[in-house]
Amino acid sequence: MTDRTSLATYCGIAGTIVSLGTITVATIVTSPETFTWQGHALSDMGRYGTPTFPLFNGGLIVGGLLGLPFAWRCWIAGRNAPERVGVVLLATAVVGQIGVGIFFLEHTAVYLETSLHGIAALTVFGIAPFAGWIYGSGAAMAGDGRLAIASVGLGTVHPLVWFGWLLSLGGAAETGAWFAVAEFGAAVAFGGWILVLAITVRDRDDSEPDGPNR
């Protein structure tokens, strides 16, 4: 059991590295016709038929799949109801991430008649901040002040990023200008919270003489 829980903890770290790493690499190797920070969304790199299609979508799917065992690890490590509710929301956001990769832009040209990409993206960006806020409330109840501050703080980055993006538009003719920057900021906030959570759970396991929670 100890080996499984330890492995699941490291899945959280690995999943974040894979997800953010492949997104970053995709922005570097992509062509301006496929993606620019000013004129595109991140998902344009995963559009059907683009050179970065397998890298971008594959990274989201693999990173998300690695995140699911980590969510299980956080569930059994939960110390109260708010922490576990936060974990459920975390898992839901991770499923949304997987969905973004599966239901890539223009997936209707390959399968399904209805596009589910927008729903998947909204699941990630809409639920992730609530996961941090609610989990952080539970961490505060458990007396874990540093984790509570990190969880609530990184959760708050999400609305700040989107609000900042809306302010930046001003009278811009292109309503989607710099949308990818806001997306990437939110993705880093979500991934950063998972990393903090994984490291905290790992350190907590190391400090307990009986090993991980069973």
Protein backbone atom coordinates (compact mmCIF):
# COMPACT_ATOMS: atom_id res chain seq x y z
CA MET A 1 0.00 0.00 0.00
CA THR A 2 2.85 2.36 0.88
CA ASP A 3 4.49 1.86 -2.52
CA ARG A 4 1.21 2.55 -4.33
CA THR A 5 0.50 5.73 -2.42
CA SER A 6 4.04 6.99 -2.89
CA LEU A 7 3.83 6.29 -6.62
CA ALA A 8 0.48 8.08 -6.81
CA THR A 9 2.02 11.12 -5.11
CA TYR A 10 4.79 11.28 -7.69
CA CYS A 11 2.19 10.91 -10.43
CA GLY A 12 0.97 14.37 -9.44
CA ILE A 13 4.44 15.83 -9.94
CA ALA A 14 4.98 13.95 -13.20
CA GLY A 15 1.55 14.87 -14.55
CA THR A 16 2.17 18.57 -14.02
CA ILE A 17 5.60 18.40 -15.66
CA VAL A 18 4.19 16.53 -18.66
CA SER A 19 1.20 18.84 -19.10
CA LEU A 20 2.97 22.18 -18.74
CA GLY A 21 6.12 20.87 -20.39
CA THR A 22 4.41 19.76 -23.58
CA ILE A 23 2.41 22.98 -23.79
CA THR A 24 5.60 25.00 -23.46
CA VAL A 25 7.50 22.91 -26.00
CA ALA A 26 4.57 23.16 -28.41
CA THR A 27 4.67 26.98 -28.22
CA ILE A 28 8.37 26.85 -29.11
CA VAL A 29 8.25 24.44 -32.05
CA THR A 30 4.96 25.59 -33.57
CA SER A 31 4.79 27.83 -36.63
CA PRO A 32 3.32 31.36 -36.60
CA GLU A 33 0.59 30.13 -38.91
CA THR A 34 -0.54 27.70 -36.23
CA PHE A 35 -0.01 29.74 -33.08
CA THR A 36 1.00 33.16 -31.78
CA TRP A 37 0.55 34.43 -28.25
CA GLN A 38 -1.27 37.51 -29.47
CA GLY A 39 -3.66 36.00 -31.96
CA HIS A 40 -4.50 32.43 -30.92
CA ALA A 41 -5.68 30.19 -28.12
CA LEU A 42 -3.44 27.43 -26.77
CA SER A 43 -5.84 24.87 -28.20
CA ASP A 44 -5.02 26.07 -31.72
CA MET A 45 -1.82 24.05 -31.35
CA GLY A 46 -3.98 20.97 -30.91
CA ARG A 47 -6.26 21.69 -33.83
CA TYR A 48 -6.77 18.71 -36.11
CA GLY A 49 -4.17 18.65 -38.87
CA THR A 50 -1.57 20.93 -37.26
CA PRO A 51 2.05 19.72 -36.79
CA THR A 52 1.77 20.10 -33.01
CA PHE A 53 -1.47 18.10 -32.88
CA PRO A 54 0.05 14.93 -31.29
CA LEU A 55 2.39 16.80 -28.95
CA PHE A 56 -0.19 19.20 -27.54
CA ASN A 57 -3.12 16.81 -27.19
CA GLY A 58 -0.97 13.87 -26.17
CA GLY A 59 0.63 15.90 -23.39
CA LEU A 60 -2.76 16.96 -22.02
CA ILE A 61 -4.09 13.41 -22.09
CA VAL A 62 -1.02 11.75 -20.56
CA GLY A 63 -0.60 14.51 -17.98
CA GLY A 64 -4.27 14.24 -17.04
CA LEU A 65 -4.14 10.46 -16.74
CA LEU A 66 -1.17 10.80 -14.39
CA GLY A 67 -3.21 13.27 -12.35
CA LEU A 68 -5.99 10.80 -11.61
CA PRO A 69 -3.92 8.49 -9.34
CA PHE A 70 -2.72 11.61 -7.56
CA ALA A 71 -6.31 12.67 -6.95
CA TRP A 72 -6.92 9.25 -5.37
CA ARG A 73 -3.86 9.77 -3.18
CA CYS A 74 -5.17 13.15 -2.03
CA TRP A 75 -8.57 11.63 -1.32
CA ILE A 76 -7.21 9.05 1.11
CA ALA A 77 -4.96 11.72 2.64
CA GLY A 78 -7.92 14.07 3.14
CA ARG A 79 -8.32 15.22 6.71
CA ASN A 80 -11.84 16.61 6.54
CA ALA A 81 -14.84 17.07 4.25
CA PRO A 82 -13.73 20.32 2.55
CA GLU A 83 -10.39 18.80 1.60
CA ARG A 84 -12.14 15.81 0.05
CA VAL A 85 -14.60 18.05 -1.81
CA GLY A 86 -11.62 19.98 -3.13
CA VAL A 87 -10.06 16.72 -4.28
CA VAL A 88 -13.25 15.74 -6.13
CA LEU A 89 -13.16 19.11 -7.91
CA LEU A 90 -9.46 18.63 -8.66
CA ALA A 91 -10.22 15.26 -10.27
CA THR A 92 -13.07 16.82 -12.26
CA ALA A 93 -10.75 19.53 -13.59
CA VAL A 94 -8.19 16.88 -14.52
CA VAL A 95 -10.86 14.94 -16.41
CA GLY A 96 -11.66 18.18 -18.19
CA GLN A 97 -8.00 18.48 -19.17
CA ILE A 98 -8.09 15.00 -20.63
CA GLY A 99 -11.25 16.01 -22.46
CA VAL A 100 -9.51 19.01 -24.03
CA GLY A 101 -6.99 16.61 -25.54
CA ILE A 102 -9.57 14.06 -26.66
CA PHE A 103 -12.09 16.60 -27.95
CA PHE A 104 -9.50 18.74 -29.73
CA LEU A 105 -10.49 21.65 -31.92
CA GLU A 106 -12.33 20.41 -35.03
CA HIS A 107 -12.63 16.87 -33.67
CA THR A 108 -16.01 16.84 -35.42
CA ALA A 109 -14.09 16.34 -38.65
CA VAL A 110 -12.92 13.00 -37.25
CA TYR A 111 -15.67 11.86 -34.89
CA LEU A 112 -18.86 13.11 -33.21
CA GLU A 113 -21.14 15.71 -34.70
CA THR A 114 -21.20 17.95 -31.64
CA SER A 115 -18.07 19.77 -30.50
CA LEU A 116 -17.25 19.10 -26.84
CA HIS A 117 -14.02 21.07 -26.77
CA GLY A 118 -15.53 24.17 -25.18
CA ILE A 119 -17.23 22.18 -22.44
CA ALA A 120 -13.97 20.38 -21.62
CA ALA A 121 -12.01 23.65 -21.49
CA LEU A 122 -14.63 25.31 -19.27
CA THR A 123 -14.47 22.32 -16.94
CA VAL A 124 -10.76 22.89 -16.39
CA PHE A 125 -10.71 26.66 -16.10
CA GLY A 126 -14.06 26.97 -14.33
CA ILE A 127 -13.60 24.29 -11.68
CA ALA A 128 -9.87 24.53 -10.90
CA PRO A 129 -10.10 27.72 -8.80
CA PHE A 130 -12.95 26.33 -6.70
CA ALA A 131 -10.89 23.20 -6.08
CA GLY A 132 -8.10 25.33 -4.63
CA TRP A 133 -10.40 27.52 -2.57
CA ILE A 134 -12.37 24.67 -1.02
CA TYR A 135 -9.33 22.47 -0.43
CA GLY A 136 -7.56 25.46 1.10
CA SER A 137 -10.47 25.97 3.48
CA GLY A 138 -10.10 22.36 4.60
CA ALA A 139 -6.35 22.78 5.03
CA ALA A 140 -7.00 25.82 7.23
CA MET A 141 -9.45 23.79 9.32
CA ALA A 142 -6.73 21.14 9.72
CA GLY A 143 -4.28 23.76 10.95
CA ASP A 144 -2.12 23.61 7.81
CA GLY A 145 -1.72 27.32 7.26
CA ARG A 146 0.93 27.24 4.55
CA LEU A 147 -0.99 24.79 2.39
CA ALA A 148 -4.19 26.79 2.95
CA ILE A 149 -2.54 30.02 1.81
CA ALA A 150 -0.96 28.34 -1.23
CA SER A 151 -4.22 26.67 -2.24
CA VAL A 152 -6.40 29.75 -1.87
CA GLY A 153 -3.73 32.01 -3.34
CA LEU A 154 -3.13 29.93 -6.45
CA GLY A 155 -6.88 29.45 -6.84
CA THR A 156 -7.28 33.22 -6.79
CA VAL A 157 -4.73 33.58 -9.60
CA HIS A 158 -7.35 32.19 -12.00
CA PRO A 159 -9.93 34.99 -11.76
CA LEU A 160 -7.15 37.58 -11.56
CA VAL A 161 -5.63 36.30 -14.79
CA TRP A 162 -8.95 36.34 -16.61
CA PHE A 163 -9.90 39.74 -15.20
CA GLY A 164 -6.53 41.11 -16.28
CA TRP A 165 -7.08 39.71 -19.75
CA LEU A 166 -10.49 41.37 -20.00
CA LEU A 167 -9.00 44.70 -18.92
CA SER A 168 -6.21 44.35 -21.48
CA LEU A 169 -8.71 44.07 -24.30
CA GLY A 170 -9.94 47.62 -23.88
CA GLY A 171 -11.05 48.69 -27.32
CA ALA A 172 -9.07 46.01 -29.13
CA ALA A 173 -10.54 45.04 -32.46
CA GLU A 174 -9.61 41.41 -31.86
CA THR A 175 -11.63 40.21 -28.89
CA GLY A 176 -9.45 37.09 -28.60
CA ALA A 177 -6.15 38.98 -28.44
CA TRP A 178 -3.65 37.51 -25.97
CA PHE A 179 -6.17 34.83 -24.94
CA ALA A 180 -3.38 32.23 -24.86
CA VAL A 181 -1.51 34.26 -22.23
CA ALA A 182 -4.51 34.12 -19.89
CA GLU A 183 -4.94 30.41 -20.57
CA PHE A 184 -1.29 29.70 -19.86
CA GLY A 185 -1.38 31.73 -16.64
CA ALA A 186 -4.38 29.75 -15.42
CA ALA A 187 -2.73 26.46 -16.44
CA VAL A 188 0.45 27.35 -14.53
CA ALA A 189 -1.62 28.27 -11.46
CA PHE A 190 -3.43 24.92 -11.56
CA GLY A 191 -0.25 22.96 -12.18
CA GLY A 192 1.58 24.93 -9.51
CA TRP A 193 -1.10 24.08 -6.96
CA ILE A 194 -0.88 20.39 -7.81
CA LEU A 195 2.91 20.53 -7.37
CA VAL A 196 2.57 22.23 -3.98
CA LEU A 197 -0.04 19.68 -2.95
CA ALA A 198 2.08 16.74 -4.11
CA ILE A 199 5.19 17.96 -2.32
CA THR A 200 3.19 18.63 0.84
CA VAL A 201 1.64 15.16 0.82
CA ARG A 202 5.04 13.59 0.15
CA ASP A 203 6.68 15.48 3.01
CA ARG A 204 3.78 14.61 5.30
CA ASP A 205 4.25 10.92 4.46
CA ASP A 206 7.98 11.14 5.15
CA SER A 207 7.37 12.71 8.56
CA GLU A 208 4.89 10.06 9.67
CA PRO A 209 6.51 7.00 11.24
CA ASP A 210 3.78 4.70 9.92
CA GLY A 211 4.15 5.98 6.34
CA PRO A 212 1.29 7.19 4.13
CA ASN A 213 -2.30 7.21 5.31
CA ARG A 214 -4.06 3.96 4.71
